[in-house]
């Protein structure tokens, strides 16, 4: 008997590409809805609920005939404001659940969708009340512009054959041009089916030990990457926040859990969220799940996404998107708000000739023309 052939789960398979793009369509629509709702007086928890609900509505029109195909939230909606850097998704019982946005707040929104385990994630930074008539200036403009151009540089450098160390170097140079630094320990991840954290990683601002120990990688055709850029006008170091963590995900670690609550929690996570990040707010009983997560996180079968804080007075910019690396180039499938220099008015700019040339480079790969066959020798 011949062994059953495993299905191709890479983007060399056109069916896989179609699923990634279906997820991206939902993600892009949901992100735009949340960004549009980031107005003065909007509750942060309501914005998080809006993003998750928009994903569910968007998915209701995708792959409707295949009832067994899994689809859902691949990254629960987070809304992180001002010095709260990332992973902020308040629960109903949190003291901060009533927090609202104010004009001038710098807001980072992130969310994601999956179709059959193929995920598309997006994140962007906006300022409440910003417009051409009331533009973003100062540190906020510097951070948003730095994140935007750093993301553009990463996309162009993900071509097959390039190395991750080059991405690290160029992102740091782009950030420096705007008086910023990438935040330490932030990573761009290779994506796989059912997994946002694949085998290959790109570190954008390694610490001393990481610079020598972190394994560089080379990009190859038919890979998918989650580009996750965070830059700050500060020194690049953030600290763990005192705010309660609400974002978790299941890991690949196996352990025989002792408590009934932990086993019930892990079972609910596996059935409802798989290996994707989720908010406790999305669980049936927030209190019971939080209790069960104590043992789950302690034994490593679940991972907590800690909330991080920047120092007061500094600004943080984020750009997050999913890209497909193909033999023909790098295709970005998720997008945030269009970057508008009339709204984001920074006084700084990129002057490095190599960086400027990189940013003008196409994301497509030009095919070399085939050599013409040599003319036949004249008859003697």
Protein backbone atom coordinates (compact mmCIF):
# COMPACT_ATOMS: atom_id res chain seq x y z
CA UNK A 1 0.00 0.00 0.00
CA UNK A 2 1.23 3.47 -0.81
CA UNK A 3 1.29 6.05 1.96
CA UNK A 4 -1.43 8.68 1.77
CA UNK A 5 -0.03 11.89 0.35
CA UNK A 6 -0.17 14.81 2.79
CA UNK A 7 -1.91 17.92 1.47
CA UNK A 8 0.33 20.85 0.56
CA UNK A 9 -0.27 23.52 3.22
CA UNK A 10 2.10 26.07 1.66
CA UNK A 11 1.16 28.86 -0.72
CA UNK A 12 2.51 26.79 -3.58
CA UNK A 13 -1.02 25.37 -3.36
CA UNK A 14 -3.46 27.84 -4.93
CA UNK A 15 -6.28 26.67 -2.62
CA UNK A 16 -4.16 27.77 0.34
CA UNK A 17 -3.54 31.18 -1.25
CA UNK A 18 -7.28 31.59 -1.75
CA UNK A 19 -7.92 30.86 1.94
CA UNK A 20 -5.25 33.33 3.07
CA UNK A 21 -6.81 36.01 0.88
CA UNK A 22 -10.33 35.22 2.09
CA UNK A 23 -9.11 35.69 5.67
CA UNK A 24 -7.34 38.91 4.64
CA UNK A 25 -10.50 40.32 3.12
CA UNK A 26 -12.31 39.87 6.43
CA UNK A 27 -9.38 41.23 8.47
CA UNK A 28 -9.04 44.36 6.33
CA UNK A 29 -12.75 45.12 6.58
CA UNK A 30 -12.85 44.59 10.35
CA UNK A 31 -9.77 46.75 10.95
CA UNK A 32 -11.23 49.60 8.92
CA UNK A 33 -14.43 49.45 11.00
CA UNK A 34 -12.52 49.69 14.27
CA UNK A 35 -10.28 52.49 13.00
CA UNK A 36 -13.32 54.46 11.83
CA UNK A 37 -14.86 54.04 15.29
CA UNK A 38 -11.78 55.38 17.13
CA UNK A 39 -13.41 58.67 18.06
CA UNK A 40 -13.55 60.77 21.19
CA UNK A 41 -15.74 59.08 23.80
CA UNK A 42 -15.51 55.58 22.32
CA UNK A 43 -15.06 52.84 24.94
CA UNK A 44 -11.98 50.70 24.41
CA UNK A 45 -13.83 47.51 25.34
CA UNK A 46 -16.56 48.36 22.81
CA UNK A 47 -13.92 48.81 20.09
CA UNK A 48 -12.50 45.37 20.93
CA UNK A 49 -15.96 43.83 20.73
CA UNK A 50 -16.62 45.63 17.45
CA UNK A 51 -13.50 44.15 15.85
CA UNK A 52 -14.26 40.58 16.91
CA UNK A 53 -17.91 40.89 15.86
CA UNK A 54 -16.89 42.32 12.46
CA UNK A 55 -14.68 39.28 11.90
CA UNK A 56 -17.54 36.90 12.67
CA UNK A 57 -19.88 38.80 10.32
CA UNK A 58 -17.26 38.86 7.57
CA UNK A 59 -16.64 35.13 7.91
CA UNK A 60 -20.34 34.37 7.56
CA UNK A 61 -20.04 34.88 3.79
CA UNK A 62 -16.79 32.92 3.36
CA UNK A 63 -16.77 29.18 2.50
CA UNK A 64 -20.44 28.78 3.39
CA UNK A 65 -20.83 25.38 1.70
CA UNK A 66 -18.06 23.63 3.63
CA UNK A 67 -19.59 23.21 7.09
CA UNK A 68 -16.60 21.30 8.46
CA UNK A 69 -14.03 23.93 7.53
CA UNK A 70 -12.79 25.85 10.59
CA UNK A 71 -12.75 29.64 10.54
CA UNK A 72 -12.66 32.32 13.20
CA UNK A 73 -10.68 34.96 15.04
CA UNK A 74 -6.92 34.42 14.64
CA UNK A 75 -5.97 37.37 16.85
CA UNK A 76 -8.57 38.87 19.13
CA UNK A 77 -8.94 42.63 18.74
CA UNK A 78 -6.59 44.66 20.93
CA UNK A 79 -6.74 48.43 21.34
CA UNK A 80 -3.64 49.86 23.02
CA UNK A 81 -3.60 53.59 23.77
CA UNK A 82 -0.73 56.06 24.27
CA UNK A 83 1.94 54.53 26.55
CA UNK A 84 0.21 51.13 26.64
CA UNK A 85 2.27 49.49 23.90
CA UNK A 86 0.40 46.30 23.02
CA UNK A 87 -1.87 43.37 23.98
CA UNK A 88 -4.57 45.51 25.63
CA UNK A 89 -7.98 43.80 25.48
CA UNK A 90 -9.94 44.62 28.66
CA UNK A 91 -12.35 42.13 30.17
CA UNK A 92 -15.83 42.90 31.46
CA UNK A 93 -14.67 42.70 35.08
CA UNK A 94 -11.58 44.89 34.66
CA UNK A 95 -11.42 48.23 36.41
CA UNK A 96 -10.36 49.80 33.09
CA UNK A 97 -13.38 48.42 31.19
CA UNK A 98 -15.01 51.87 31.15
CA UNK A 99 -11.96 53.62 29.66
CA UNK A 100 -12.77 55.90 26.72
CA UNK A 101 -10.73 57.58 24.00
CA UNK A 102 -9.94 61.29 23.95
CA UNK A 103 -8.89 63.58 21.10
CA UNK A 104 -5.15 63.31 20.52
CA UNK A 105 -4.86 59.73 21.85
CA UNK A 106 -2.43 57.56 19.88
CA UNK A 107 -4.25 54.26 19.30
CA UNK A 108 -2.83 50.95 18.08
CA UNK A 109 -5.39 48.43 16.83
CA UNK A 110 -4.57 44.81 15.96
CA UNK A 111 -6.78 41.89 14.93
CA UNK A 112 -6.74 38.79 12.73
CA UNK A 113 -8.86 36.19 10.96
CA UNK A 114 -8.25 32.60 9.90
CA UNK A 115 -9.89 30.41 7.29
CA UNK A 116 -9.05 26.71 7.71
CA UNK A 117 -6.12 27.71 9.93
CA UNK A 118 -4.60 30.12 7.39
CA UNK A 119 -4.40 33.44 9.19
CA UNK A 120 -4.25 37.05 8.07
CA UNK A 121 -3.39 39.64 10.74
CA UNK A 122 -3.26 43.43 10.58
CA UNK A 123 -2.48 46.31 12.91
CA UNK A 124 -2.10 50.04 12.55
CA UNK A 125 -1.68 53.27 14.50
CA UNK A 126 -4.12 56.19 14.36
CA UNK A 127 -4.57 59.41 16.31
CA UNK A 128 -8.06 60.31 17.53
CA UNK A 129 -9.37 63.41 15.76
CA UNK A 130 -6.45 63.73 13.33
CA UNK A 131 -7.10 65.23 9.89
CA UNK A 132 -5.46 67.51 7.34
CA UNK A 133 -6.94 70.44 9.25
CA UNK A 134 -5.65 69.03 12.56
CA UNK A 135 -2.55 67.01 11.64
CA UNK A 136 -0.42 64.74 13.84
CA UNK A 137 2.89 66.39 14.72
CA UNK A 138 5.81 65.95 17.09
CA UNK A 139 6.77 62.59 18.56
CA UNK A 140 3.52 60.88 17.54
CA UNK A 141 4.12 61.80 13.90
CA UNK A 142 7.74 60.62 14.12
CA UNK A 143 6.74 57.22 15.53
CA UNK A 144 3.89 56.65 13.07
CA UNK A 145 6.06 57.60 10.07
CA UNK A 146 8.95 55.45 11.30
CA UNK A 147 6.69 52.40 11.68
CA UNK A 148 5.18 52.97 8.24
CA UNK A 149 8.47 53.23 6.37
CA UNK A 150 10.03 50.41 8.39
CA UNK A 151 7.14 48.17 7.34
CA UNK A 152 7.63 49.19 3.71
CA UNK A 153 11.33 48.31 3.99
CA UNK A 154 10.61 44.89 5.54
CA UNK A 155 8.16 44.01 2.77
CA UNK A 156 10.79 44.74 0.11
CA UNK A 157 13.48 42.75 1.95
CA UNK A 158 11.47 39.54 2.39
CA UNK A 159 12.34 38.39 -1.13
CA UNK A 160 13.71 34.85 -1.48
CA UNK A 161 17.44 34.65 -0.80
CA UNK A 162 17.63 37.66 1.52
CA UNK A 163 18.64 37.19 5.14
CA UNK A 164 16.88 38.32 8.33
CA UNK A 165 19.99 40.15 9.58
CA UNK A 166 19.64 42.60 6.70
CA UNK A 167 16.04 43.32 7.74
CA UNK A 168 17.18 44.00 11.32
CA UNK A 169 19.82 46.46 10.11
CA UNK A 170 17.56 48.37 7.70
CA UNK A 171 14.66 48.68 10.16
CA UNK A 172 16.99 50.16 12.76
CA UNK A 173 18.28 52.68 10.22
CA UNK A 174 14.77 53.69 9.16
CA UNK A 175 13.72 54.16 12.79
CA UNK A 176 16.84 56.22 13.55
CA UNK A 177 16.03 58.60 10.68
CA UNK A 178 12.85 59.56 12.59
CA UNK A 179 14.49 59.72 16.01
CA UNK A 180 13.04 56.35 17.00
CA UNK A 181 14.11 52.84 17.93
CA UNK A 182 12.43 49.48 17.33
CA UNK A 183 11.14 48.13 20.63
CA UNK A 184 13.40 45.44 22.07
CA UNK A 185 12.41 41.77 21.69
CA UNK A 186 9.70 42.39 19.09
CA UNK A 187 9.69 39.73 16.38
CA UNK A 188 8.35 39.16 12.90
CA UNK A 189 7.20 35.54 12.58
CA UNK A 190 6.93 33.00 9.83
CA UNK A 191 3.32 31.80 9.68
CA UNK A 192 2.15 28.24 9.18
CA UNK A 193 -1.26 26.57 9.11
CA UNK A 194 -2.84 26.95 12.57
CA UNK A 195 0.23 28.80 13.85
CA UNK A 196 1.29 32.46 13.88
CA UNK A 197 4.68 31.53 15.34
CA UNK A 198 6.50 29.36 12.80
CA UNK A 199 10.11 28.22 12.61
CA UNK A 200 11.70 31.42 11.27
CA UNK A 201 11.85 34.74 13.10
CA UNK A 202 13.20 38.22 12.49
CA UNK A 203 14.25 40.26 15.52
CA UNK A 204 14.21 44.01 14.95
CA UNK A 205 16.13 45.25 18.01
CA UNK A 206 18.11 42.46 19.68
CA UNK A 207 19.64 42.96 23.13
CA UNK A 208 23.34 42.24 23.67
CA UNK A 209 22.93 38.49 24.22
CA UNK A 210 20.36 38.12 21.46
CA UNK A 211 22.61 39.82 18.91
CA UNK A 212 25.15 37.00 19.24
CA UNK A 213 22.80 34.07 19.96
CA UNK A 214 19.79 34.76 17.75
CA UNK A 215 19.73 32.49 14.69
CA UNK A 216 19.46 34.42 11.43
CA UNK A 217 17.34 32.91 8.68
CA UNK A 218 17.05 33.11 4.91
CA UNK A 219 13.73 33.72 3.20
CA UNK A 220 12.46 31.21 0.67
CA UNK A 221 9.64 31.04 -1.88
CA UNK A 222 6.18 29.99 -0.66
CA UNK A 223 6.67 31.23 2.89
CA UNK A 224 4.24 33.47 4.78
CA UNK A 225 5.31 36.10 7.32
CA UNK A 226 3.59 38.15 9.99
CA UNK A 227 5.42 41.48 9.86
CA UNK A 228 5.10 43.11 13.29
CA UNK A 229 6.85 46.49 13.62
CA UNK A 230 6.81 48.51 16.85
CA UNK A 231 8.94 51.64 17.14
CA UNK A 232 9.21 54.19 19.93
CA UNK A 233 10.63 57.65 20.41
CA UNK A 234 12.10 56.29 23.65
CA UNK A 235 15.17 54.11 24.19
CA UNK A 236 13.51 50.92 22.90
CA UNK A 237 13.01 49.41 26.34
CA UNK A 238 9.51 48.95 27.70
CA UNK A 239 8.35 47.44 30.98
CA UNK A 240 5.63 45.02 31.97
CA UNK A 241 2.44 46.85 32.91
CA UNK A 242 0.58 46.44 36.18
CA UNK A 243 -2.62 46.07 34.15
CA UNK A 244 -4.14 42.59 34.19
CA UNK A 245 -3.32 40.31 31.26
CA UNK A 246 -6.33 39.16 29.23
CA UNK A 247 -4.66 37.83 26.07
CA UNK A 248 -3.52 34.18 25.98
CA UNK A 249 -2.89 31.30 23.59
CA UNK A 250 -2.37 27.57 23.81
CA UNK A 251 1.19 26.33 23.30
CA UNK A 252 2.54 23.05 21.92
CA UNK A 253 3.63 21.96 25.42
CA UNK A 254 1.84 18.92 26.83
CA UNK A 255 1.37 18.34 30.55
CA UNK A 256 -1.02 16.29 32.69
CA UNK A 257 -2.86 19.11 34.43
CA UNK A 258 -3.82 18.44 38.05
CA UNK A 259 -6.81 20.67 38.68
CA UNK A 260 -10.27 20.20 37.19
CA UNK A 261 -10.56 23.90 36.35
CA UNK A 262 -7.28 23.86 34.41
CA UNK A 263 -8.32 20.81 32.39
CA UNK A 264 -11.71 22.37 31.61
CA UNK A 265 -10.02 25.62 30.58
CA UNK A 266 -7.54 23.90 28.27
CA UNK A 267 -10.38 21.93 26.70
CA UNK A 268 -12.36 25.12 26.02
CA UNK A 269 -9.29 26.86 24.57
CA UNK A 270 -8.55 23.92 22.26
CA UNK A 271 -12.12 23.71 20.97
CA UNK A 272 -12.83 27.43 20.61
CA UNK A 273 -9.49 29.02 19.72
CA UNK A 274 -7.00 26.34 18.72
CA UNK A 275 -3.47 27.78 18.78
CA UNK A 276 -4.52 31.37 18.09
CA UNK A 277 -4.41 34.25 20.61
CA UNK A 278 -7.71 34.86 22.38
CA UNK A 279 -9.16 37.19 24.99
CA UNK A 280 -10.64 35.88 28.23
CA UNK A 281 -13.66 38.04 27.38
CA UNK A 282 -14.47 35.59 24.56
CA UNK A 283 -14.76 32.63 26.95
CA UNK A 284 -18.04 31.34 28.38
CA UNK A 285 -17.16 32.06 32.02
CA UNK A 286 -14.38 34.63 32.46
CA UNK A 287 -13.92 33.90 36.17
CA UNK A 288 -13.59 30.12 35.77
CA UNK A 289 -11.23 30.42 32.80
CA UNK A 290 -8.99 32.86 34.67
CA UNK A 291 -8.81 30.41 37.55
CA UNK A 292 -7.94 27.52 35.22
CA UNK A 293 -5.28 29.56 33.44
CA UNK A 294 -3.25 29.81 36.63
CA UNK A 295 -2.03 26.21 36.30
CA UNK A 296 -2.08 26.29 32.49
CA UNK A 297 0.36 29.22 32.31
CA UNK A 298 2.46 27.96 35.20
CA UNK A 299 3.03 24.62 33.44
CA UNK A 300 3.53 26.23 30.02
CA UNK A 301 0.52 24.75 28.21
CA UNK A 302 -0.80 28.29 27.77
CA UNK A 303 1.09 31.52 27.16
CA UNK A 304 0.14 34.91 28.58
CA UNK A 305 0.68 37.99 26.42
CA UNK A 306 1.78 40.56 28.99
CA UNK A 307 0.78 44.17 28.51
CA UNK A 308 3.80 46.46 28.11
CA UNK A 309 4.16 50.15 28.90
CA UNK A 310 6.36 52.92 27.50
CA UNK A 311 7.55 55.87 29.56
CA UNK A 312 5.24 58.91 29.81
CA UNK A 313 5.95 61.50 27.14
CA UNK A 314 7.10 58.97 24.51
CA UNK A 315 5.13 57.83 21.46
CA UNK A 316 4.80 54.35 19.95
CA UNK A 317 3.97 53.47 16.36
CA UNK A 318 2.85 50.06 15.10
CA UNK A 319 2.39 48.52 11.67
CA UNK A 320 1.41 44.84 11.36
CA UNK A 321 0.55 42.87 8.24
CA UNK A 322 0.72 39.43 6.63
CA UNK A 323 2.72 38.86 3.44
CA UNK A 324 3.06 35.98 0.98
CA UNK A 325 6.58 35.34 -0.30
CA UNK A 326 6.45 33.94 -3.84
CA UNK A 327 8.95 33.39 -6.67
CA UNK A 328 7.45 36.50 -8.28
CA UNK A 329 7.81 38.79 -5.26
CA UNK A 330 6.28 39.71 -1.91
CA UNK A 331 2.52 40.23 -1.77
CA UNK A 332 1.05 42.11 1.18
CA UNK A 333 -2.49 40.86 1.82
CA UNK A 334 -3.51 42.88 4.90
CA UNK A 335 -3.58 46.64 5.25
CA UNK A 336 -4.41 49.33 7.78
CA UNK A 337 -5.31 52.95 7.15
CA UNK A 338 -3.52 54.52 4.19
CA UNK A 339 -0.49 56.53 5.36
CA UNK A 340 -1.12 60.20 4.55
CA UNK A 341 1.81 62.67 4.95
CA UNK A 342 -0.74 65.51 4.99
CA UNK A 343 -2.20 64.08 8.20
CA UNK A 344 1.03 62.71 9.73
CA UNK A 345 3.41 65.66 9.49
CA UNK A 346 6.87 64.78 10.76
CA UNK A 347 9.77 67.19 10.38
CA UNK A 348 12.17 64.28 10.02
CA UNK A 349 12.90 62.31 6.86
CA UNK A 350 15.04 59.52 5.45
CA UNK A 351 18.21 60.84 3.83
CA UNK A 352 20.25 57.65 3.50
CA UNK A 353 20.61 56.96 -0.24
CA UNK A 354 20.51 53.17 0.17
CA UNK A 355 17.29 53.32 2.19
CA UNK A 356 15.66 55.68 -0.28
CA UNK A 357 16.60 53.35 -3.12
CA UNK A 358 15.21 50.36 -1.19
CA UNK A 359 11.88 52.09 -0.60
CA UNK A 360 11.60 52.83 -4.33
CA UNK A 361 12.21 49.17 -5.17
CA UNK A 362 9.28 47.15 -6.43
CA UNK A 363 7.97 44.34 -4.26
CA UNK A 364 7.88 42.22 -7.42
CA UNK A 365 10.83 40.25 -8.76
CA UNK A 366 11.82 40.97 -12.32
CA UNK A 367 12.36 37.84 -14.33
CA UNK A 368 15.61 37.70 -16.30
CA UNK A 369 14.91 37.38 -20.02
CA UNK A 370 15.72 33.97 -21.44
CA UNK A 371 18.92 33.84 -23.44
CA UNK A 372 18.45 33.60 -27.15
CA UNK A 373 19.67 30.43 -28.79
CA UNK A 374 22.93 30.85 -30.68
CA UNK A 375 22.54 31.19 -34.47
CA UNK A 376 23.43 27.96 -36.35
CA UNK A 377 26.87 27.95 -37.94
CA UNK A 378 26.92 28.72 -41.67
CA UNK A 379 27.08 25.68 -43.91
CA UNK A 380 30.52 24.94 -45.14
